[in-house]
Amino acid sequence: MLLMETVNVKPHQCLLDLSMQLKGSIDALFDFAIANGISITDDLRSGSMIWVPDRAIIDRRTFQTLKDEEAIPANAYTTEDEAAIKGGIGYMGIQVDLRVSQNQE
């Protein structure tokens, strides 16, 4: 039986980020999805544990650069982030961002 290591998901990370960080290339993206039984586009929860596929590092230079610079790729964003970026009434929640009051004459 082959044992895989796990990694703790950081805020705003997606499988693409983990593939770059841990294998040096996006070519491991599908390996991460298969190892975890999820889609490549699934949102990951910060703090959750993800299985790291048993695959050799694909691009050692990229992997080492990210490691040396202590860079943690994080390109995903939540629906709250999207609302903050786009803004406007279409992204507001009543009594959350949008206050409704009666006109008192």
C-alpha atoms as a PDB file:
ATOM      1  CA  MET A   1       0.000   0.000   0.000  1.00  0.00           C
ATOM      2  CA  LEU A   2       1.353   3.390  -1.055  1.00  0.00           C
ATOM      3  CA  LEU A   3       1.120   6.147   1.547  1.00  0.00           C
ATOM      4  CA  MET A   4       0.708   9.764   0.501  1.00  0.00           C
ATOM      5  CA  GLU A   5       1.588  12.812   2.544  1.00  0.00           C
ATOM      6  CA  THR A   6      -0.916  15.563   3.270  1.00  0.00           C
ATOM      7  CA  VAL A   7      -0.644  19.322   3.122  1.00  0.00           C
ATOM      8  CA  ASN A   8      -2.580  21.992   4.990  1.00  0.00           C
ATOM      9  CA  VAL A   9      -4.452  24.313   2.598  1.00  0.00           C
ATOM     10  CA  LYS A  10      -3.597  27.985   3.106  1.00  0.00           C
ATOM     11  CA  PRO A  11      -6.137  30.817   2.619  1.00  0.00           C
ATOM     12  CA  HIS A  12      -7.131  31.342  -1.014  1.00  0.00           C
ATOM     13  CA  GLN A  13      -5.326  28.264  -2.324  1.00  0.00           C
ATOM     14  CA  CYS A  14      -6.731  26.061  -5.065  1.00  0.00           C
ATOM     15  CA  LEU A  15      -5.460  22.793  -6.539  1.00  0.00           C
ATOM     16  CA  LEU A  16      -3.561  24.720  -9.198  1.00  0.00           C
ATOM     17  CA  ASP A  17      -1.634  26.579  -6.475  1.00  0.00           C
ATOM     18  CA  LEU A  18      -0.815  23.349  -4.631  1.00  0.00           C
ATOM     19  CA  SER A  19       0.330  21.739  -7.863  1.00  0.00           C
ATOM     20  CA  MET A  20       2.753  24.611  -8.483  1.00  0.00           C
ATOM     21  CA  GLN A  21       3.935  24.796  -4.870  1.00  0.00           C
ATOM     22  CA  LEU A  22       4.507  21.085  -4.323  1.00  0.00           C
ATOM     23  CA  LYS A  23       5.342  19.734  -7.776  1.00  0.00           C
ATOM     24  CA  GLY A  24       6.646  22.856  -9.570  1.00  0.00           C
ATOM     25  CA  SER A  25       4.127  22.648 -12.403  1.00  0.00           C
ATOM     26  CA  ILE A  26       0.437  22.718 -13.187  1.00  0.00           C
ATOM     27  CA  ASP A  27       0.938  19.338 -14.889  1.00  0.00           C
ATOM     28  CA  ALA A  28       0.218  17.671 -11.528  1.00  0.00           C
ATOM     29  CA  LEU A  29      -3.204  19.343 -11.260  1.00  0.00           C
ATOM     30  CA  PHE A  30      -5.168  16.262 -12.298  1.00  0.00           C
ATOM     31  CA  ASP A  31      -3.054  14.068 -10.020  1.00  0.00           C
ATOM     32  CA  PHE A  32      -4.100  16.241  -7.057  1.00  0.00           C
ATOM     33  CA  ALA A  33      -7.763  16.057  -8.103  1.00  0.00           C
ATOM     34  CA  ILE A  34      -7.691  12.272  -8.481  1.00  0.00           C
ATOM     35  CA  ALA A  35      -5.794  11.735  -5.204  1.00  0.00           C
ATOM     36  CA  ASN A  36      -8.453  13.730  -3.350  1.00  0.00           C
ATOM     37  CA  GLY A  37     -11.539  12.604  -5.283  1.00  0.00           C
ATOM     38  CA  ILE A  38     -12.473  16.177  -6.232  1.00  0.00           C
ATOM     39  CA  SER A  39     -12.784  18.298  -9.353  1.00  0.00           C
ATOM     40  CA  ILE A  40      -9.948  20.558 -10.485  1.00  0.00           C
ATOM     41  CA  THR A  41     -12.282  23.524  -9.968  1.00  0.00           C
ATOM     42  CA  ASP A  42     -13.574  22.632  -6.489  1.00  0.00           C
ATOM     43  CA  ASP A  43     -13.117  25.296  -3.815  1.00  0.00           C
ATOM     44  CA  LEU A  44     -10.748  24.274  -1.044  1.00  0.00           C
ATOM     45  CA  ARG A  45     -11.389  25.206   2.566  1.00  0.00           C
ATOM     46  CA  SER A  46      -8.547  27.000   4.314  1.00  0.00           C
ATOM     47  CA  GLY A  47      -7.088  24.737   6.991  1.00  0.00           C
ATOM     48  CA  SER A  48      -8.273  21.518   5.375  1.00  0.00           C
ATOM     49  CA  MET A  49      -5.892  18.680   4.608  1.00  0.00           C
ATOM     50  CA  ILE A  50      -5.266  17.625   1.006  1.00  0.00           C
ATOM     51  CA  TRP A  51      -3.507  14.456  -0.128  1.00  0.00           C
ATOM     52  CA  VAL A  52      -0.323  15.110  -2.106  1.00  0.00           C
ATOM     53  CA  PRO A  53      -0.061  12.655  -5.010  1.00  0.00           C
ATOM     54  CA  ASP A  54       2.948  10.366  -5.111  1.00  0.00           C
ATOM     55  CA  ARG A  55       4.490  11.941  -8.184  1.00  0.00           C
ATOM     56  CA  ALA A  56       7.995  13.263  -8.674  1.00  0.00           C
ATOM     57  CA  ILE A  57       8.570  17.002  -8.780  1.00  0.00           C
ATOM     58  CA  ILE A  58       7.966  18.000 -12.395  1.00  0.00           C
ATOM     59  CA  ASP A  59       9.873  21.292 -12.597  1.00  0.00           C
ATOM     60  CA  ARG A  60      12.584  21.323  -9.953  1.00  0.00           C
ATOM     61  CA  ARG A  61      13.646  24.922 -10.755  1.00  0.00           C
ATOM     62  CA  THR A  62      10.157  26.348 -10.191  1.00  0.00           C
ATOM     63  CA  PHE A  63       9.664  24.210  -7.094  1.00  0.00           C
ATOM     64  CA  GLN A  64      12.994  25.330  -5.615  1.00  0.00           C
ATOM     65  CA  THR A  65      12.395  29.014  -6.449  1.00  0.00           C
ATOM     66  CA  LEU A  66       9.026  29.001  -4.680  1.00  0.00           C
ATOM     67  CA  LYS A  67      10.545  27.183  -1.718  1.00  0.00           C
ATOM     68  CA  ASP A  68      13.611  29.471  -1.472  1.00  0.00           C
ATOM     69  CA  GLU A  69      11.477  32.607  -1.628  1.00  0.00           C
ATOM     70  CA  GLU A  70       8.947  31.094   0.790  1.00  0.00           C
ATOM     71  CA  ALA A  71       6.256  31.918  -1.755  1.00  0.00           C
ATOM     72  CA  ILE A  72       2.867  30.323  -1.240  1.00  0.00           C
ATOM     73  CA  PRO A  73       0.762  30.561  -4.404  1.00  0.00           C
ATOM     74  CA  ALA A  74      -2.834  31.535  -3.577  1.00  0.00           C
ATOM     75  CA  ASN A  75      -4.994  32.526  -6.515  1.00  0.00           C
ATOM     76  CA  ALA A  76      -8.465  31.343  -5.526  1.00  0.00           C
ATOM     77  CA  TYR A  77     -11.103  33.698  -4.205  1.00  0.00           C
ATOM     78  CA  THR A  78     -14.418  33.302  -2.450  1.00  0.00           C
ATOM     79  CA  THR A  79     -17.832  34.689  -3.308  1.00  0.00           C
ATOM     80  CA  GLU A  80     -17.233  37.334  -0.630  1.00  0.00           C
ATOM     81  CA  ASP A  81     -14.034  38.343  -2.419  1.00  0.00           C
ATOM     82  CA  GLU A  82     -15.919  38.509  -5.707  1.00  0.00           C
ATOM     83  CA  ALA A  83     -18.545  40.802  -4.189  1.00  0.00           C
ATOM     84  CA  ALA A  84     -15.845  43.094  -2.798  1.00  0.00           C
ATOM     85  CA  ILE A  85     -14.113  43.220  -6.175  1.00  0.00           C
ATOM     86  CA  LYS A  86     -17.223  43.754  -8.284  1.00  0.00           C
ATOM     87  CA  GLY A  87     -19.335  45.569  -5.702  1.00  0.00           C
ATOM     88  CA  GLY A  88     -22.632  47.177  -6.500  1.00  0.00           C
ATOM     89  CA  ILE A  89     -26.217  46.478  -5.619  1.00  0.00           C
ATOM     90  CA  GLY A  90     -26.243  43.113  -7.422  1.00  0.00           C
ATOM     91  CA  TYR A  91     -23.751  41.798  -4.871  1.00  0.00           C
ATOM     92  CA  MET A  92     -25.255  43.294  -1.735  1.00  0.00           C
ATOM     93  CA  GLY A  93     -27.302  41.501   0.875  1.00  0.00           C
ATOM     94  CA  ILE A  94     -30.335  43.241   2.357  1.00  0.00           C
ATOM     95  CA  GLN A  95     -29.567  44.426   5.885  1.00  0.00           C
ATOM     96  CA  VAL A  96     -25.950  43.255   5.427  1.00  0.00           C
ATOM     97  CA  ASP A  97     -24.414  45.620   2.881  1.00  0.00           C
ATOM     98  CA  LEU A  98     -27.633  47.296   1.813  1.00  0.00           C
ATOM     99  CA  ARG A  99     -29.668  49.066   4.458  1.00  0.00           C
ATOM    100  CA  VAL A 100     -33.407  49.397   3.832  1.00  0.00           C
ATOM    101  CA  SER A 101     -35.353  52.047   5.705  1.00  0.00           C
ATOM    102  CA  GLN A 102     -38.745  53.693   5.415  1.00  0.00           C
ATOM    103  CA  ASN A 103     -38.955  57.323   4.557  1.00  0.00           C
ATOM    104  CA  GLN A 104     -40.354  59.051   7.679  1.00  0.00           C
ATOM    105  CA  GLU A 105     -42.292  62.165   6.719  1.00  0.00           C
END
